[in-house]
Protein backbone atom coordinates (compact mmCIF):
# COMPACT_ATOMS: atom_id res chain seq x y z
CA MET A 1 98.69 104.05 121.26
CA LEU A 2 100.07 105.60 118.01
CA ALA A 3 102.28 103.28 115.90
CA VAL A 4 105.75 104.14 115.96
CA MET A 5 106.65 105.83 112.44
CA ALA A 6 109.84 104.80 110.86
CA GLU A 7 112.82 107.51 110.76
CA ILE A 8 113.21 108.79 107.27
CA LYS A 9 116.82 109.31 106.55
CA GLY A 10 116.73 110.32 102.84
CA PHE A 11 114.25 111.63 100.25
CA LEU A 12 114.13 111.95 96.62
CA GLU A 13 111.56 113.86 94.90
CA THR A 14 111.62 112.10 91.55
CA SER A 15 113.33 108.93 90.10
CA PHE A 16 112.96 107.71 86.73
CA VAL A 17 115.03 104.43 87.59
CA ASP A 18 113.80 103.03 91.00
CA TRP A 19 110.13 101.93 89.68
CA PRO A 20 110.29 100.33 86.17
CA GLY A 21 107.83 102.23 83.87
CA ARG A 22 106.88 104.93 86.51
CA VAL A 23 108.34 108.13 87.85
CA CYS A 24 108.43 107.80 91.61
CA ALA A 25 109.63 109.55 94.71
CA VAL A 26 112.15 107.53 97.18
CA ILE A 27 111.97 107.38 100.70
CA PHE A 28 115.33 106.05 102.36
CA LEU A 29 115.32 104.23 105.81
CA ALA A 30 118.55 103.60 107.71
CA GLY A 31 120.09 100.22 108.86
CA CYS A 32 120.86 96.89 107.25
CA ASN A 33 121.82 93.36 108.47
CA PHE A 34 124.21 92.87 105.32
CA ARG A 35 127.37 94.26 104.79
CA CYS A 36 127.53 94.06 100.98
CA PRO A 37 131.03 95.20 99.95
CA PHE A 38 129.89 96.89 96.94
CA CYS A 39 127.04 98.61 98.71
CA HIS A 40 126.50 102.25 97.17
CA ASN A 41 124.17 103.47 99.96
CA HIS A 42 126.67 102.57 102.73
CA PRO A 43 126.29 105.73 104.89
CA LEU A 44 122.83 104.46 105.59
CA VAL A 45 124.02 101.20 106.66
CA VAL A 46 126.83 102.10 108.73
CA ALA A 47 126.87 105.75 109.72
CA PRO A 48 123.08 106.86 109.55
CA ASP A 49 123.59 109.10 112.48
CA THR A 50 125.82 111.42 110.22
CA LEU A 51 122.64 112.01 107.96
CA PRO A 52 119.78 114.40 108.59
CA SER A 53 116.31 113.02 109.25
CA TYR A 54 113.37 114.15 107.69
CA SER A 55 109.93 114.72 109.46
CA PHE A 56 106.91 112.80 107.94
CA GLU A 57 105.03 116.05 107.49
CA GLU A 58 107.70 117.71 105.40
CA VAL A 59 107.80 114.56 103.15
CA ARG A 60 104.13 114.31 103.05
CA GLN A 61 103.80 118.19 102.03
CA CYS A 62 106.32 117.67 99.21
CA LEU A 63 104.64 114.51 98.16
CA THR A 64 101.36 115.99 98.09
CA ARG A 65 102.66 119.00 95.81
CA LEU A 66 104.13 116.32 93.32
CA LYS A 67 101.23 113.75 93.24
CA LYS A 68 100.11 114.70 89.87
CA TRP A 69 103.40 113.86 88.37
CA LEU A 70 104.28 110.78 90.44
CA GLY A 71 103.12 107.25 89.72
CA GLY A 72 104.07 105.82 93.38
CA ILE A 73 106.62 106.01 96.15
CA CYS A 74 109.69 103.61 96.63
CA ILE A 75 110.69 102.76 100.04
CA SER A 76 114.38 101.76 100.05
CA GLY A 77 117.56 101.81 102.33
CA GLY A 78 119.63 100.56 103.69
CA GLU A 79 117.13 97.49 104.31
CA PRO A 80 113.72 98.99 104.99
CA THR A 81 112.59 95.85 106.80
CA MET A 82 114.85 96.47 109.65
CA THR A 83 113.40 99.72 110.54
CA ALA A 84 110.82 99.76 113.27
CA GLY A 85 107.66 101.63 112.00
CA LEU A 86 108.05 100.52 108.39
CA ALA A 87 104.37 99.08 108.56
CA ALA A 88 103.24 102.43 109.94
CA LEU A 89 104.97 104.52 107.40
CA LEU A 90 103.57 102.21 104.47
CA GLY A 91 100.06 102.26 106.14
CA ARG A 92 99.83 106.19 106.34
CA LEU A 93 101.10 106.48 102.71
CA LYS A 94 98.70 103.92 101.55
CA ASN A 95 95.68 105.60 103.10
CA GLU A 96 96.84 108.83 101.46
CA GLY A 97 96.26 106.95 98.02
CA TRP A 98 99.85 106.12 97.09
CA GLN A 99 100.94 103.20 95.12
CA LEU A 100 103.87 101.77 96.99
CA LYS A 101 107.07 99.70 96.20
CA LEU A 102 109.62 98.20 98.54
CA ASP A 103 113.12 97.40 98.06
CA THR A 104 114.43 94.40 100.20
CA ASN A 105 117.17 91.98 100.46
CA GLY A 106 114.55 89.23 101.39
CA SER A 107 116.02 88.34 104.69
CA ARG A 108 112.78 88.85 106.80
CA PRO A 109 110.26 86.83 105.14
CA ARG A 110 107.84 86.89 108.10
CA LEU A 111 107.44 90.74 108.02
CA LEU A 112 107.28 90.69 104.05
CA ALA A 113 104.24 88.34 104.35
CA GLU A 114 102.64 90.55 106.75
CA LEU A 115 103.15 93.66 104.60
CA LEU A 116 101.70 91.86 101.47
CA ALA A 117 98.81 90.31 103.53
CA GLY A 118 98.02 93.75 104.71
CA GLY A 119 97.75 95.06 100.95
CA LEU A 120 100.53 97.50 101.63
CA LEU A 121 102.58 96.70 98.73
CA ASP A 122 102.23 97.11 94.94
CA MET A 123 105.49 96.33 93.91
CA VAL A 124 108.56 94.47 95.53
CA SER A 125 112.11 94.47 94.26
CA MET A 126 114.20 91.86 96.01
CA ASP A 127 118.00 91.71 95.71
CA VAL A 128 119.20 88.42 95.04
CA LYS A 129 122.97 88.76 95.56
CA ALA A 130 124.11 85.52 94.22
CA PRO A 131 123.27 82.10 93.12
CA LEU A 132 121.88 80.28 96.20
CA ASP A 133 125.03 78.95 97.43
CA GLN A 134 126.09 79.56 100.97
CA GLU A 135 129.74 80.63 100.47
CA LYS A 136 129.04 82.83 97.44
CA TYR A 137 125.97 84.40 99.01
CA SER A 138 127.57 85.24 102.31
CA ARG A 139 130.76 86.59 100.26
CA CYS A 140 128.55 89.00 98.40
CA ALA A 141 126.54 90.09 101.31
CA GLY A 142 129.43 90.52 103.57
CA THR A 143 127.99 88.43 106.30
CA PRO A 144 126.68 84.79 107.11
CA VAL A 145 123.13 84.57 105.33
CA ASP A 146 120.40 82.37 106.39
CA LEU A 147 119.44 81.10 102.70
CA GLN A 148 116.33 79.73 103.88
CA ARG A 149 114.71 83.13 104.81
CA ILE A 150 115.89 84.16 101.23
CA ARG A 151 114.41 81.08 99.61
CA ALA A 152 111.11 81.67 101.43
CA SER A 153 111.04 85.17 100.44
CA ILE A 154 111.63 84.29 96.82
CA ALA A 155 108.73 81.75 97.09
CA LEU A 156 106.67 84.27 98.75
CA LEU A 157 106.78 86.89 95.83
CA ARG A 158 106.27 84.28 93.19
CA GLY A 159 102.97 83.32 94.92
CA SER A 160 101.87 86.67 96.18
CA GLY A 161 100.19 87.92 92.66
CA VAL A 162 102.05 91.27 93.32
CA GLU A 163 104.21 92.91 90.93
CA HIS A 164 107.74 91.89 91.63
CA GLU A 165 111.42 91.70 90.34
CA PHE A 166 114.71 90.01 91.33
CA ARG A 167 117.80 91.83 90.71
CA MET A 168 121.15 91.60 91.15
CA THR A 169 124.27 93.99 91.13
CA VAL A 170 127.18 92.15 89.34
CA VAL A 171 130.97 92.60 90.22
CA PRO A 172 133.66 91.02 88.16
CA ARG A 173 135.51 89.68 91.22
CA PHE A 174 132.25 88.45 92.57
CA HIS A 175 130.39 87.20 89.54
CA SER A 176 130.90 84.90 86.55
CA ALA A 177 128.92 84.22 83.38
CA ALA A 178 128.39 80.74 85.23
CA ASP A 179 126.89 82.41 88.42
CA ILE A 180 124.35 84.66 86.28
CA ARG A 181 123.33 81.49 84.18
CA GLN A 182 122.67 79.64 87.58
CA TRP A 183 120.94 82.64 89.12
CA ALA A 184 118.58 83.18 86.13
CA ALA A 185 117.75 79.65 85.60
CA ALA A 186 116.67 79.33 89.32
CA LEU A 187 114.77 82.50 89.38
CA GLY A 188 112.86 82.61 85.89
CA ASP A 189 109.27 83.18 86.08
CA GLU A 190 106.70 80.56 86.89
CA GLY A 191 103.92 82.21 84.91
CA GLY A 192 100.93 83.82 86.94
CA ARG A 193 99.28 87.22 86.78
CA HIS A 194 102.76 88.87 87.88
CA PRO A 195 105.51 86.76 86.57
CA SER A 196 108.93 87.31 87.84
CA ARG A 197 111.20 89.83 86.42
CA LEU A 198 115.00 89.42 86.53
CA LYS A 199 117.16 92.35 86.45
CA LEU A 200 121.06 92.90 86.32
CA GLN A 201 122.74 95.89 87.52
CA ASN A 202 126.43 96.57 86.64
CA PHE A 203 128.61 97.49 89.32
CA ASN A 204 129.38 101.04 90.20
CA PRO A 205 132.66 101.88 91.63
CA ARG A 206 132.01 105.52 92.63
CA THR A 207 131.23 104.87 96.18
CA THR A 208 131.49 101.43 97.70
CA LEU A 209 131.35 100.14 101.49
CA ASP A 210 134.50 98.27 100.78
CA PRO A 211 137.21 101.11 99.88
CA VAL A 212 139.24 98.05 98.24
CA LEU A 213 136.41 98.05 95.31
CA ALA A 214 136.92 101.78 94.61
CA GLY A 215 139.43 100.85 92.28
CA GLU A 216 137.50 98.09 90.71
CA LYS A 217 136.38 98.31 87.15
CA PRO A 218 132.79 97.19 86.23
CA PHE A 219 131.93 94.77 83.52
CA PRO A 220 132.61 96.47 80.08
CA ALA A 221 129.72 97.18 78.25
CA ALA A 222 129.92 94.43 75.93
CA ALA A 223 130.54 91.94 78.62
CA PHE A 224 127.61 93.16 80.65
CA ALA A 225 125.31 92.84 77.58
CA ASP A 226 126.27 89.27 77.32
CA LEU A 227 125.33 88.77 80.97
CA GLN A 228 121.77 90.47 80.06
CA LYS A 229 121.31 88.09 77.38
CA ILE A 230 121.76 85.06 79.72
CA VAL A 231 119.20 86.67 82.10
CA ALA A 232 116.79 87.47 78.99
CA ASN A 233 117.02 83.67 78.06
CA ARG A 234 116.53 82.59 81.60
CA GLY A 235 120.16 81.27 82.07
CA LEU A 236 119.43 78.87 78.87
CA ALA A 237 121.94 80.58 76.63
CA PRO A 238 125.67 80.14 76.79
CA ALA A 239 127.84 83.21 76.58
CA ALA A 240 131.51 83.93 76.67
CA VAL A 241 132.06 87.06 78.90
CA ALA A 242 135.39 88.94 79.50
CA ARG A 243 136.17 89.69 82.69
CA GLY A 244 136.62 93.73 83.63
């Protein structure tokens, strides 16, 4: 019996920002178990049926044409691990010689472990929404979150030997300098062949799941730079950060 192939709901031929140090293509899958109010890909989360679908064959043909310029493929969403057929999609791409990156919220550590054990992933970016505090995390995720699963995914990536990063989108009304300090101190690397990288992304109000945030300002450039310094020092350096 043929494995079910994931339904592709978006495709970007080239990206310079989705895989650090590489030009990659991006395949978007629909659905998510979080409802982050500041999500910028919310049509994939709440209204995937309004988006066109792409056949694997048309995506494959485009990828083949671009292969000499691309350093890999990023599978994003939505939350890709919620999509039936993710492993089949990754396996098909891996069999065609592609390096693969997965974007995930880390809520399904068992599946993540299976994908890593199967040699299907070369890079993982895990969104860690907030410090691992139940109230703060659930607020940022827009729904109650099982933090034990988040912790399990963090530990799994740290011990995987696979290149990975933990990243967080910061929003003035949700995140403070103290939160970033706590987050960075908890997630700092533990050495190894592929130590953990940490990355902050400033909030973009252009399009948000919660329309209330459409009028929210991101952190000003200087304040965001101060937050980045906290991360660069793994939460050890104090910083006075102005709110936007």
